Amino acid sequence: MKGNMNNMMKQMQKMQKKMMKAQEELHEMTFEASAGGGMVKVTANGKKEITDVEISEEVVDPDDIDMLQDLILTAANDVIQQIEDKTNETMGQFTKGMNLPGGMF
């Protein structure tokens, strides 16, 4: 029983290292989304930090600030959703098929 427990602990430590490495890789990834046919582009890293916003000159209309704000919101929300999806996909592989004995944790 003791050997089995040690083996399980080693496997958990291995998985934890893999999870940390996957998380680091995610944080270093770059995600980009655009709105308005590419008129507004938002870039973010895997930490959900916006790193760049590009706005085409032709979309800047002082009489229609609402449209520009909507395009920025759309692109920003899209890039955050991409990061969420990739994070769930990447980190979900570590919990798939885990058969943890009841009452262990």
PDB file of N, CA and C in Angstrom:
ATOM      1  N   MET A   1       0.831  -1.199   0.000  1.00  0.00           N
ATOM      2  CA  MET A   1       0.000   0.000   0.000  1.00  0.00           C
ATOM      3  C   MET A   1       0.870   1.255   0.000  1.00  0.00           C
ATOM      4  N   LYS A   2       1.961   1.241   0.796  1.00  0.00           N
ATOM      5  CA  LYS A   2       2.829   2.407   0.891  1.00  0.00           C
ATOM      6  C   LYS A   2       3.503   2.700  -0.459  1.00  0.00           C
ATOM      7  N   GLY A   3       3.973   1.648  -1.137  1.00  0.00           N
ATOM      8  CA  GLY A   3       4.594   1.809  -2.451  1.00  0.00           C
ATOM      9  C   GLY A   3       3.622   2.380  -3.454  1.00  0.00           C
ATOM     10  N   ASN A   4       2.378   1.929  -3.380  1.00  0.00           N
ATOM     11  CA  ASN A   4       1.322   2.412  -4.272  1.00  0.00           C
ATOM     12  C   ASN A   4       1.076   3.904  -4.049  1.00  0.00           C
ATOM     13  N   MET A   5       1.092   4.311  -2.784  1.00  0.00           N
ATOM     14  CA  MET A   5       0.866   5.706  -2.429  1.00  0.00           C
ATOM     15  C   MET A   5       2.029   6.572  -2.943  1.00  0.00           C
ATOM     16  N   ASN A   6       3.262   6.081  -2.770  1.00  0.00           N
ATOM     17  CA  ASN A   6       4.430   6.815  -3.265  1.00  0.00           C
ATOM     18  C   ASN A   6       4.371   6.968  -4.775  1.00  0.00           C
ATOM     19  N   ASN A   7       3.969   5.912  -5.462  1.00  0.00           N
ATOM     20  CA  ASN A   7       3.843   5.934  -6.917  1.00  0.00           C
ATOM     21  C   ASN A   7       2.812   6.982  -7.345  1.00  0.00           C
ATOM     22  N   MET A   8       1.690   7.008  -6.631  1.00  0.00           N
ATOM     23  CA  MET A   8       0.632   7.968  -6.954  1.00  0.00           C
ATOM     24  C   MET A   8       1.137   9.397  -6.728  1.00  0.00           C
ATOM     25  N   MET A   9       1.893   9.614  -5.657  1.00  0.00           N
ATOM     26  CA  MET A   9       2.438  10.946  -5.374  1.00  0.00           C
ATOM     27  C   MET A   9       3.405  11.383  -6.486  1.00  0.00           C
ATOM     28  N   LYS A  10       4.234  10.437  -6.964  1.00  0.00           N
ATOM     29  CA  LYS A  10       5.173  10.755  -8.045  1.00  0.00           C
ATOM     30  C   LYS A  10       4.409  11.136  -9.314  1.00  0.00           C
ATOM     31  N   GLN A  11       3.341  10.400  -9.602  1.00  0.00           N
ATOM     32  CA  GLN A  11       2.533  10.698 -10.787  1.00  0.00           C
ATOM     33  C   GLN A  11       1.883  12.081 -10.664  1.00  0.00           C
ATOM     34  N   MET A  12       1.406  12.407  -9.460  1.00  0.00           N
ATOM     35  CA  MET A  12       0.785  13.715  -9.237  1.00  0.00           C
ATOM     36  C   MET A  12       1.817  14.833  -9.426  1.00  0.00           C
ATOM     37  N   GLN A  13       3.055  14.615  -8.928  1.00  0.00           N
ATOM     38  CA  GLN A  13       4.100  15.622  -9.086  1.00  0.00           C
ATOM     39  C   GLN A  13       4.455  15.809 -10.554  1.00  0.00           C
ATOM     40  N   LYS A  14       4.520  14.695 -11.303  1.00  0.00           N
ATOM     41  CA  LYS A  14       4.799  14.766 -12.740  1.00  0.00           C
ATOM     42  C   LYS A  14       3.713  15.573 -13.451  1.00  0.00           C
ATOM     43  N   MET A  15       2.462  15.267 -13.112  1.00  0.00           N
ATOM     44  CA  MET A  15       1.344  15.957 -13.742  1.00  0.00           C
ATOM     45  C   MET A  15       1.372  17.439 -13.381  1.00  0.00           C
ATOM     46  N   GLN A  16       1.717  17.744 -12.142  1.00  0.00           N
ATOM     47  CA  GLN A  16       1.777  19.141 -11.724  1.00  0.00           C
ATOM     48  C   GLN A  16       2.834  19.893 -12.525  1.00  0.00           C
ATOM     49  N   LYS A  17       3.987  19.268 -12.758  1.00  0.00           N
ATOM     50  CA  LYS A  17       5.043  19.901 -13.551  1.00  0.00           C
ATOM     51  C   LYS A  17       4.564  20.140 -14.983  1.00  0.00           C
ATOM     52  N   LYS A  18       3.869  19.143 -15.558  1.00  0.00           N
ATOM     53  CA  LYS A  18       3.350  19.295 -16.919  1.00  0.00           C
ATOM     54  C   LYS A  18       2.316  20.416 -16.988  1.00  0.00           C
ATOM     55  N   MET A  19       1.470  20.496 -15.954  1.00  0.00           N
ATOM     56  CA  MET A  19       0.449  21.542 -15.917  1.00  0.00           C
ATOM     57  C   MET A  19       1.100  22.922 -15.838  1.00  0.00           C
ATOM     58  N   MET A  20       2.138  23.051 -15.014  1.00  0.00           N
ATOM     59  CA  MET A  20       2.825  24.338 -14.879  1.00  0.00           C
ATOM     60  C   MET A  20       3.490  24.739 -16.192  1.00  0.00           C
ATOM     61  N   LYS A  21       4.082  23.762 -16.873  1.00  0.00           N
ATOM     62  CA  LYS A  21       4.733  24.030 -18.164  1.00  0.00           C
ATOM     63  C   LYS A  21       3.681  24.461 -19.192  1.00  0.00           C
ATOM     64  N   ALA A  22       2.550  23.760 -19.222  1.00  0.00           N
ATOM     65  CA  ALA A  22       1.473  24.109 -20.154  1.00  0.00           C
ATOM     66  C   ALA A  22       0.956  25.517 -19.868  1.00  0.00           C
ATOM     67  N   GLN A  23       0.827  25.855 -18.592  1.00  0.00           N
ATOM     68  CA  GLN A  23       0.350  27.188 -18.207  1.00  0.00           C
ATOM     69  C   GLN A  23       1.343  28.253 -18.658  1.00  0.00           C
ATOM     70  N   GLU A  24       2.630  27.995 -18.472  1.00  0.00           N
ATOM     71  CA  GLU A  24       3.658  28.950 -18.906  1.00  0.00           C
ATOM     72  C   GLU A  24       3.597  29.153 -20.423  1.00  0.00           C
ATOM     73  N   GLU A  25       3.432  28.049 -21.154  1.00  0.00           N
ATOM     74  CA  GLU A  25       3.342  28.141 -22.609  1.00  0.00           C
ATOM     75  C   GLU A  25       2.124  28.956 -23.032  1.00  0.00           C
ATOM     76  N   LEU A  26       1.006  28.738 -22.340  1.00  0.00           N
ATOM     77  CA  LEU A  26      -0.206  29.510 -22.630  1.00  0.00           C
ATOM     78  C   LEU A  26       0.032  31.002 -22.417  1.00  0.00           C
ATOM     79  N   HIS A  27       0.690  31.336 -21.323  1.00  0.00           N
ATOM     80  CA  HIS A  27       0.934  32.743 -20.994  1.00  0.00           C
ATOM     81  C   HIS A  27       1.795  33.429 -22.046  1.00  0.00           C
ATOM     82  N   GLU A  28       2.651  32.656 -22.718  1.00  0.00           N
ATOM     83  CA  GLU A  28       3.538  33.237 -23.728  1.00  0.00           C
ATOM     84  C   GLU A  28       2.889  33.341 -25.107  1.00  0.00           C
ATOM     85  N   MET A  29       1.728  32.713 -25.282  1.00  0.00           N
ATOM     86  CA  MET A  29       1.047  32.750 -26.577  1.00  0.00           C
ATOM     87  C   MET A  29       0.479  34.135 -26.855  1.00  0.00           C
ATOM     88  N   THR A  30       0.296  34.423 -28.136  1.00  0.00           N
ATOM     89  CA  THR A  30      -0.305  35.680 -28.568  1.00  0.00           C
ATOM     90  C   THR A  30      -1.617  35.369 -29.273  1.00  0.00           C
ATOM     91  N   PHE A  31      -2.631  36.135 -28.957  1.00  0.00           N
ATOM     92  CA  PHE A  31      -3.950  35.964 -29.553  1.00  0.00           C
ATOM     93  C   PHE A  31      -4.346  37.281 -30.201  1.00  0.00           C
ATOM     94  N   GLU A  32      -5.049  37.180 -31.342  1.00  0.00           N
ATOM     95  CA  GLU A  32      -5.466  38.391 -32.044  1.00  0.00           C
ATOM     96  C   GLU A  32      -6.895  38.241 -32.524  1.00  0.00           C
ATOM     97  N   ALA A  33      -7.648  39.309 -32.406  1.00  0.00           N
ATOM     98  CA  ALA A  33      -9.014  39.322 -32.914  1.00  0.00           C
ATOM     99  C   ALA A  33      -9.232  40.665 -33.601  1.00  0.00           C
ATOM    100  N   SER A  34     -10.146  40.659 -34.564  1.00  0.00           N
ATOM    101  CA  SER A  34     -10.448  41.915 -35.246  1.00  0.00           C
ATOM    102  C   SER A  34     -11.951  42.074 -35.404  1.00  0.00           C
ATOM    103  N   ALA A  35     -12.347  43.295 -35.671  1.00  0.00           N
ATOM    104  CA  ALA A  35     -13.765  43.610 -35.884  1.00  0.00           C
ATOM    105  C   ALA A  35     -13.846  44.638 -37.008  1.00  0.00           C
ATOM    106  N   GLY A  36     -15.011  44.722 -37.604  1.00  0.00           N
ATOM    107  CA  GLY A  36     -15.215  45.701 -38.675  1.00  0.00           C
ATOM    108  C   GLY A  36     -14.370  45.402 -39.895  1.00  0.00           C
ATOM    109  N   GLY A  37     -14.238  44.124 -40.216  1.00  0.00           N
ATOM    110  CA  GLY A  37     -13.448  43.745 -41.385  1.00  0.00           C
ATOM    111  C   GLY A  37     -11.974  44.085 -41.235  1.00  0.00           C
ATOM    112  N   GLY A  38     -11.478  44.025 -40.020  1.00  0.00           N
ATOM    113  CA  GLY A  38     -10.064  44.294 -39.764  1.00  0.00           C
ATOM    114  C   GLY A  38      -9.768  45.754 -39.443  1.00  0.00           C
ATOM    115  N   MET A  39     -10.812  46.569 -39.329  1.00  0.00           N
ATOM    116  CA  MET A  39     -10.616  47.990 -39.020  1.00  0.00           C
ATOM    117  C   MET A  39     -10.068  48.182 -37.608  1.00  0.00           C
ATOM    118  N   VAL A  40     -10.437  47.258 -36.699  1.00  0.00           N
ATOM    119  CA  VAL A  40      -9.938  47.309 -35.320  1.00  0.00           C
ATOM    120  C   VAL A  40      -9.347  45.947 -35.005  1.00  0.00           C
ATOM    121  N   LYS A  41      -8.102  45.935 -34.536  1.00  0.00           N
ATOM    122  CA  LYS A  41      -7.444  44.691 -34.141  1.00  0.00           C
ATOM    123  C   LYS A  41      -6.994  44.809 -32.697  1.00  0.00           C
ATOM    124  N   VAL A  42      -7.231  43.744 -31.947  1.00  0.00           N
ATOM    125  CA  VAL A  42      -6.798  43.707 -30.553  1.00  0.00           C
ATOM    126  C   VAL A  42      -5.918  42.471 -30.376  1.00  0.00           C
ATOM    127  N   THR A  43      -4.762  42.668 -29.765  1.00  0.00           N
ATOM    128  CA  THR A  43      -3.828  41.582 -29.500  1.00  0.00           C
ATOM    129  C   THR A  43      -3.689  41.440 -27.986  1.00  0.00           C
ATOM    130  N   ALA A  44      -3.621  40.188 -27.524  1.00  0.00           N
ATOM    131  CA  ALA A  44      -3.475  39.921 -26.090  1.00  0.00           C
ATOM    132  C   ALA A  44      -2.559  38.729 -25.901  1.00  0.00           C
ATOM    133  N   ASN A  45      -2.045  38.602 -24.695  1.00  0.00           N
ATOM    134  CA  ASN A  45      -1.249  37.419 -24.370  1.00  0.00           C
ATOM    135  C   ASN A  45      -2.116  36.429 -23.597  1.00  0.00           C
ATOM    136  N   GLY A  46      -1.564  35.269 -23.329  1.00  0.00           N
ATOM    137  CA  GLY A  46      -2.310  34.219 -22.638  1.00  0.00           C
ATOM    138  C   GLY A  46      -2.662  34.531 -21.200  1.00  0.00           C
ATOM    139  N   LYS A  47      -2.129  35.637 -20.680  1.00  0.00           N
ATOM    140  CA  LYS A  47      -2.479  36.065 -19.322  1.00  0.00           C
ATOM    141  C   LYS A  47      -3.706  36.967 -19.334  1.00  0.00           C
ATOM    142  N   LYS A  48      -4.326  37.089 -20.507  1.00  0.00           N
ATOM    143  CA  LYS A  48      -5.503  37.943 -20.724  1.00  0.00           C
ATOM    144  C   LYS A  48      -5.160  39.415 -20.580  1.00  0.00           C
ATOM    145  N   GLU A  49      -3.932  39.775 -20.950  1.00  0.00           N
ATOM    146  CA  GLU A  49      -3.520  41.170 -20.932  1.00  0.00           C
ATOM    147  C   GLU A  49      -3.530  41.685 -22.371  1.00  0.00           C
ATOM    148  N   ILE A  50      -4.241  42.775 -22.616  1.00  0.00           N
ATOM    149  CA  ILE A  50      -4.261  43.391 -23.944  1.00  0.00           C
ATOM    150  C   ILE A  50      -2.884  44.008 -24.170  1.00  0.00           C
ATOM    151  N   THR A  51      -2.233  43.610 -25.253  1.00  0.00           N
ATOM    152  CA  THR A  51      -0.878  44.092 -25.514  1.00  0.00           C
ATOM    153  C   THR A  51      -0.821  45.101 -26.660  1.00  0.00           C
ATOM    154  N   ASP A  52      -1.878  45.131 -27.500  1.00  0.00           N
ATOM    155  CA  ASP A  52      -1.871  46.063 -28.614  1.00  0.00           C
ATOM    156  C   ASP A  52      -3.291  46.287 -29.127  1.00  0.00           C
ATOM    157  N   VAL A  53      -3.552  47.506 -29.553  1.00  0.00           N
ATOM    158  CA  VAL A  53      -4.823  47.843 -30.201  1.00  0.00           C
ATOM    159  C   VAL A  53      -4.466  48.645 -31.444  1.00  0.00           C
ATOM    160  N   GLU A  54      -4.955  48.184 -32.599  1.00  0.00           N
ATOM    161  CA  GLU A  54      -4.733  48.898 -33.856  1.00  0.00           C
ATOM    162  C   GLU A  54      -6.082  49.361 -34.382  1.00  0.00           C
ATOM    163  N   ILE A  55      -6.149  50.641 -34.756  1.00  0.00           N
ATOM    164  CA  ILE A  55      -7.388  51.209 -35.277  1.00  0.00           C
ATOM    165  C   ILE A  55      -7.071  51.875 -36.610  1.00  0.00           C
ATOM    166  N   SER A  56      -7.768  51.442 -37.659  1.00  0.00           N
ATOM    167  CA  SER A  56      -7.582  52.052 -38.980  1.00  0.00           C
ATOM    168  C   SER A  56      -8.132  53.468 -38.967  1.00  0.00           C
ATOM    169  N   GLU A  57      -7.424  54.350 -39.660  1.00  0.00           N
ATOM    170  CA  GLU A  57      -7.820  55.760 -39.709  1.00  0.00           C
ATOM    171  C   GLU A  57      -9.245  55.962 -40.200  1.00  0.00           C
ATOM    172  N   GLU A  58      -9.612  55.173 -41.214  1.00  0.00           N
ATOM    173  CA  GLU A  58     -10.938  55.392 -41.827  1.00  0.00           C
ATOM    174  C   GLU A  58     -12.104  55.062 -40.901  1.00  0.00           C
ATOM    175  N   VAL A  59     -11.863  54.354 -39.810  1.00  0.00           N
ATOM    176  CA  VAL A  59     -12.954  54.034 -38.893  1.00  0.00           C
ATOM    177  C   VAL A  59     -13.100  55.106 -37.803  1.00  0.00           C
ATOM    178  N   VAL A  60     -12.155  56.038 -37.753  1.00  0.00           N
ATOM    179  CA  VAL A  60     -12.209  57.102 -36.750  1.00  0.00           C
ATOM    180  C   VAL A  60     -13.071  58.236 -37.292  1.00  0.00           C
ATOM    181  N   ASP A  61     -14.306  58.283 -36.796  1.00  0.00           N
ATOM    182  CA  ASP A  61     -15.262  59.303 -37.216  1.00  0.00           C
ATOM    183  C   ASP A  61     -15.769  59.999 -35.953  1.00  0.00           C
ATOM    184  N   PRO A  62     -15.387  61.258 -35.759  1.00  0.00           N
ATOM    185  CA  PRO A  62     -15.803  61.970 -34.537  1.00  0.00           C
ATOM    186  C   PRO A  62     -17.321  62.018 -34.365  1.00  0.00           C
ATOM    187  N   ASP A  63     -18.055  61.865 -35.460  1.00  0.00           N
ATOM    188  CA  ASP A  63     -19.517  61.890 -35.369  1.00  0.00           C
ATOM    189  C   ASP A  63     -20.104  60.521 -35.047  1.00  0.00           C
ATOM    190  N   ASP A  64     -19.262  59.489 -35.038  1.00  0.00           N
ATOM    191  CA  ASP A  64     -19.770  58.137 -34.751  1.00  0.00           C
ATOM    192  C   ASP A  64     -18.814  57.376 -33.822  1.00  0.00           C
ATOM    193  N   ILE A  65     -18.571  57.958 -32.668  1.00  0.00           N
ATOM    194  CA  ILE A  65     -17.692  57.345 -31.672  1.00  0.00           C
ATOM    195  C   ILE A  65     -18.280  56.013 -31.185  1.00  0.00           C
ATOM    196  N   ASP A  66     -19.613  55.917 -31.144  1.00  0.00           N
ATOM    197  CA  ASP A  66     -20.269  54.690 -30.668  1.00  0.00           C
ATOM    198  C   ASP A  66     -19.854  53.475 -31.482  1.00  0.00           C
ATOM    199  N   MET A  67     -19.771  53.640 -32.810  1.00  0.00           N
ATOM    200  CA  MET A  67     -19.391  52.509 -33.661  1.00  0.00           C
ATOM    201  C   MET A  67     -17.959  52.062 -33.333  1.00  0.00           C
ATOM    202  N   LEU A  68     -17.057  52.990 -33.172  1.00  0.00           N
ATOM    203  CA  LEU A  68     -15.667  52.667 -32.855  1.00  0.00           C
ATOM    204  C   LEU A  68     -15.581  51.937 -31.510  1.00  0.00           C
ATOM    205  N   GLN A  69     -16.314  52.437 -30.535  1.00  0.00           N
ATOM    206  CA  GLN A  69     -16.328  51.782 -29.221  1.00  0.00           C
ATOM    207  C   GLN A  69     -16.855  50.351 -29.331  1.00  0.00           C
ATOM    208  N   ASP A  70     -17.912  50.173 -30.115  1.00  0.00           N
ATOM    209  CA  ASP A  70     -18.480  48.830 -30.309  1.00  0.00           C
ATOM    210  C   ASP A  70     -17.471  47.885 -30.966  1.00  0.00           C
ATOM    211  N   LEU A  71     -16.749  48.392 -31.967  1.00  0.00           N
ATOM    212  CA  LEU A  71     -15.750  47.558 -32.656  1.00  0.00           C
ATOM    213  C   LEU A  71     -14.628  47.148 -31.698  1.00  0.00           C
ATOM    214  N   ILE A  72     -14.193  48.085 -30.861  1.00  0.00           N
ATOM    215  CA  ILE A  72     -13.131  47.769 -29.895  1.00  0.00           C
ATOM    216  C   ILE A  72     -13.633  46.736 -28.893  1.00  0.00           C
ATOM    217  N   LEU A  73     -14.844  46.928 -28.386  1.00  0.00           N
ATOM    218  CA  LEU A  73     -15.420  45.956 -27.440  1.00  0.00           C
ATOM    219  C   LEU A  73     -15.552  44.575 -28.068  1.00  0.00           C
ATOM    220  N   THR A  74     -16.037  44.537 -29.296  1.00  0.00           N
ATOM    221  CA  THR A  74     -16.207  43.261 -29.993  1.00  0.00           C
ATOM    222  C   THR A  74     -14.873  42.534 -30.139  1.00  0.00           C
ATOM    223  N   ALA A  75     -13.856  43.244 -30.602  1.00  0.00           N
ATOM    224  CA  ALA A  75     -12.540  42.627 -30.800  1.00  0.00           C
ATOM    225  C   ALA A  75     -11.925  42.205 -29.465  1.00  0.00           C
ATOM    226  N   ALA A  76     -12.055  43.041 -28.438  1.00  0.00           N
ATOM    227  CA  ALA A  76     -11.487  42.723 -27.122  1.00  0.00           C
ATOM    228  C   ALA A  76     -12.173  41.495 -26.524  1.00  0.00           C
ATOM    229  N   ASN A  77     -13.494  41.446 -26.596  1.00  0.00           N
ATOM    230  CA  ASN A  77     -14.220  40.288 -26.065  1.00  0.00           C
ATOM    231  C   ASN A  77     -13.886  39.016 -26.837  1.00  0.00           C
ATOM    232  N   ASP A  78     -13.710  39.147 -28.144  1.00  0.00           N
ATOM    233  CA  ASP A  78     -13.368  37.994 -28.975  1.00  0.00           C
ATOM    234  C   ASP A  78     -11.988  37.451 -28.604  1.00  0.00           C
ATOM    235  N   VAL A  79     -11.021  38.334 -28.416  1.00  0.00           N
ATOM    236  CA  VAL A  79      -9.670  37.864 -28.092  1.00  0.00           C
ATOM    237  C   VAL A  79      -9.658  37.193 -26.711  1.00  0.00           C
ATOM    238  N   ILE A  80     -10.420  37.731 -25.761  1.00  0.00           N
ATOM    239  CA  ILE A  80     -10.494  37.122 -24.424  1.00  0.00           C
ATOM    240  C   ILE A  80     -11.146  35.738 -24.530  1.00  0.00           C
ATOM    241  N   GLN A  81     -12.180  35.604 -25.360  1.00  0.00           N
ATOM    242  CA  GLN A  81     -12.843  34.304 -25.537  1.00  0.00           C
ATOM    243  C   GLN A  81     -11.888  33.286 -26.155  1.00  0.00           C
ATOM    244  N   GLN A  82     -11.059  33.729 -27.098  1.00  0.00           N
ATOM    245  CA  GLN A  82     -10.059  32.833 -27.693  1.00  0.00           C
ATOM    246  C   GLN A  82      -9.106  32.302 -26.629  1.00  0.00           C
ATOM    247  N   ILE A  83      -8.676  33.190 -25.737  1.00  0.00           N
ATOM    248  CA  ILE A  83      -7.759  32.781 -24.667  1.00  0.00           C
ATOM    249  C   ILE A  83      -8.452  31.796 -23.734  1.00  0.00           C
ATOM    250  N   GLU A  84      -9.708  32.078 -23.371  1.00  0.00           N
ATOM    251  CA  GLU A  84     -10.486  31.173 -22.508  1.00  0.00           C
ATOM    252  C   GLU A  84     -10.596  29.784 -23.144  1.00  0.00           C
ATOM    253  N   ASP A  85     -10.957  29.763 -24.428  1.00  0.00           N
ATOM    254  CA  ASP A  85     -11.128  28.487 -25.135  1.00  0.00           C
ATOM    255  C   ASP A  85      -9.824  27.697 -25.166  1.00  0.00           C
ATOM    256  N   LYS A  86      -8.721  28.374 -25.486  1.00  0.00           N
ATOM    257  CA  LYS A  86      -7.424  27.697 -25.565  1.00  0.00           C
ATOM    258  C   LYS A  86      -6.978  27.217 -24.181  1.00  0.00           C
ATOM    259  N   THR A  87      -7.233  28.016 -23.152  1.00  0.00           N
ATOM    260  CA  THR A  87      -6.883  27.623 -21.786  1.00  0.00           C
ATOM    261  C   THR A  87      -7.671  26.393 -21.369  1.00  0.00           C
ATOM    262  N   ASN A  88      -8.976  26.401 -21.625  1.00  0.00           N
ATOM    263  CA  ASN A  88      -9.811  25.246 -21.270  1.00  0.00           C
ATOM    264  C   ASN A  88      -9.383  23.998 -22.027  1.00  0.00           C
ATOM    265  N   GLU A  89      -9.067  24.174 -23.315  1.00  0.00           N
ATOM    266  CA  GLU A  89      -8.631  23.046 -24.143  1.00  0.00           C
ATOM    267  C   GLU A  89      -7.303  22.483 -23.625  1.00  0.00           C
ATOM    268  N   THR A  90      -6.364  23.363 -23.331  1.00  0.00           N
ATOM    269  CA  THR A  90      -5.033  22.945 -22.895  1.00  0.00           C
ATOM    270  C   THR A  90      -5.044  22.355 -21.493  1.00  0.00           C
ATOM    271  N   MET A  91      -5.673  23.041 -20.559  1.00  0.00           N
ATOM    272  CA  MET A  91      -5.650  22.587 -19.177  1.00  0.00           C
ATOM    273  C   MET A  91      -6.645  21.437 -18.947  1.00  0.00           C
ATOM    274  N   GLY A  92      -7.676  21.365 -19.778  1.00  0.00           N
ATOM    275  CA  GLY A  92      -8.666  20.300 -19.638  1.00  0.00           C
ATOM    276  C   GLY A  92      -8.090  18.913 -19.869  1.00  0.00           C
ATOM    277  N   GLN A  93      -7.001  18.823 -20.641  1.00  0.00           N
ATOM    278  CA  GLN A  93      -6.397  17.528 -20.911  1.00  0.00           C
ATOM    279  C   GLN A  93      -5.846  16.885 -19.634  1.00  0.00           C
ATOM    280  N   PHE A  94      -5.575  17.703 -18.615  1.00  0.00           N
ATOM    281  CA  PHE A  94      -5.015  17.167 -17.381  1.00  0.00           C
ATOM    282  C   PHE A  94      -6.082  16.578 -16.466  1.00  0.00           C
ATOM    283  N   THR A  95      -7.321  16.988 -16.641  1.00  0.00           N
ATOM    284  CA  THR A  95      -8.376  16.470 -15.780  1.00  0.00           C
ATOM    285  C   THR A  95      -9.220  15.404 -16.475  1.00  0.00           C
ATOM    286  N   LYS A  96      -9.074  15.283 -17.797  1.00  0.00           N
ATOM    287  CA  LYS A  96      -9.816  14.275 -18.559  1.00  0.00           C
ATOM    288  C   LYS A  96      -9.433  12.868 -18.081  1.00  0.00           C
ATOM    289  N   GLY A  97     -10.411  12.054 -17.845  1.00  0.00           N
ATOM    290  CA  GLY A  97     -10.149  10.658 -17.517  1.00  0.00           C
ATOM    291  C   GLY A  97      -9.497  10.433 -16.171  1.00  0.00           C
ATOM    292  N   MET A  98      -9.431  11.469 -15.337  1.00  0.00           N
ATOM    293  CA  MET A  98      -8.850  11.260 -14.014  1.00  0.00           C
ATOM    294  C   MET A  98      -9.822  10.432 -13.196  1.00  0.00           C
ATOM    295  N   ASN A  99      -9.314   9.377 -12.647  1.00  0.00           N
ATOM    296  CA  ASN A  99     -10.149   8.490 -11.854  1.00  0.00           C
ATOM    297  C   ASN A  99      -9.648   8.559 -10.411  1.00  0.00           C
ATOM    298  N   LEU A 100      -9.980   9.666  -9.757  1.00  0.00           N
ATOM    299  CA  LEU A 100      -9.524   9.860  -8.391  1.00  0.00           C
ATOM    300  C   LEU A 100     -10.435   9.092  -7.432  1.00  0.00           C
ATOM    301  N   PRO A 101      -9.831   8.316  -6.549  1.00  0.00           N
ATOM    302  CA  PRO A 101     -10.654   7.583  -5.580  1.00  0.00           C
ATOM    303  C   PRO A 101     -11.446   8.538  -4.714  1.00  0.00           C
ATOM    304  N   GLY A 102     -12.705   8.197  -4.456  1.00  0.00           N
ATOM    305  CA  GLY A 102     -13.566   9.054  -3.634  1.00  0.00           C
ATOM    306  C   GLY A 102     -12.984   9.259  -2.252  1.00  0.00           C
ATOM    307  N   GLY A 103     -13.067  10.468  -1.766  1.00  0.00           N
ATOM    308  CA  GLY A 103     -12.591  10.761  -0.417  1.00  0.00           C
ATOM    309  C   GLY A 103     -11.097  11.016  -0.318  1.00  0.00           C
ATOM    310  N   MET A 104     -10.371  10.906  -1.429  1.00  0.00           N
ATOM    311  CA  MET A 104      -8.915  11.120  -1.410  1.00  0.00           C
ATOM    312  C   MET A 104      -8.593  12.582  -1.143  1.00  0.00           C
ATOM    313  N   PHE A 105      -9.362  13.487  -1.781  1.00  0.00           N
ATOM    314  CA  PHE A 105      -9.022  14.909  -1.695  1.00  0.00           C
ATOM    315  C   PHE A 105     -10.133  15.682  -1.063  1.00  0.00           C
TER     316      PHE A 105
END
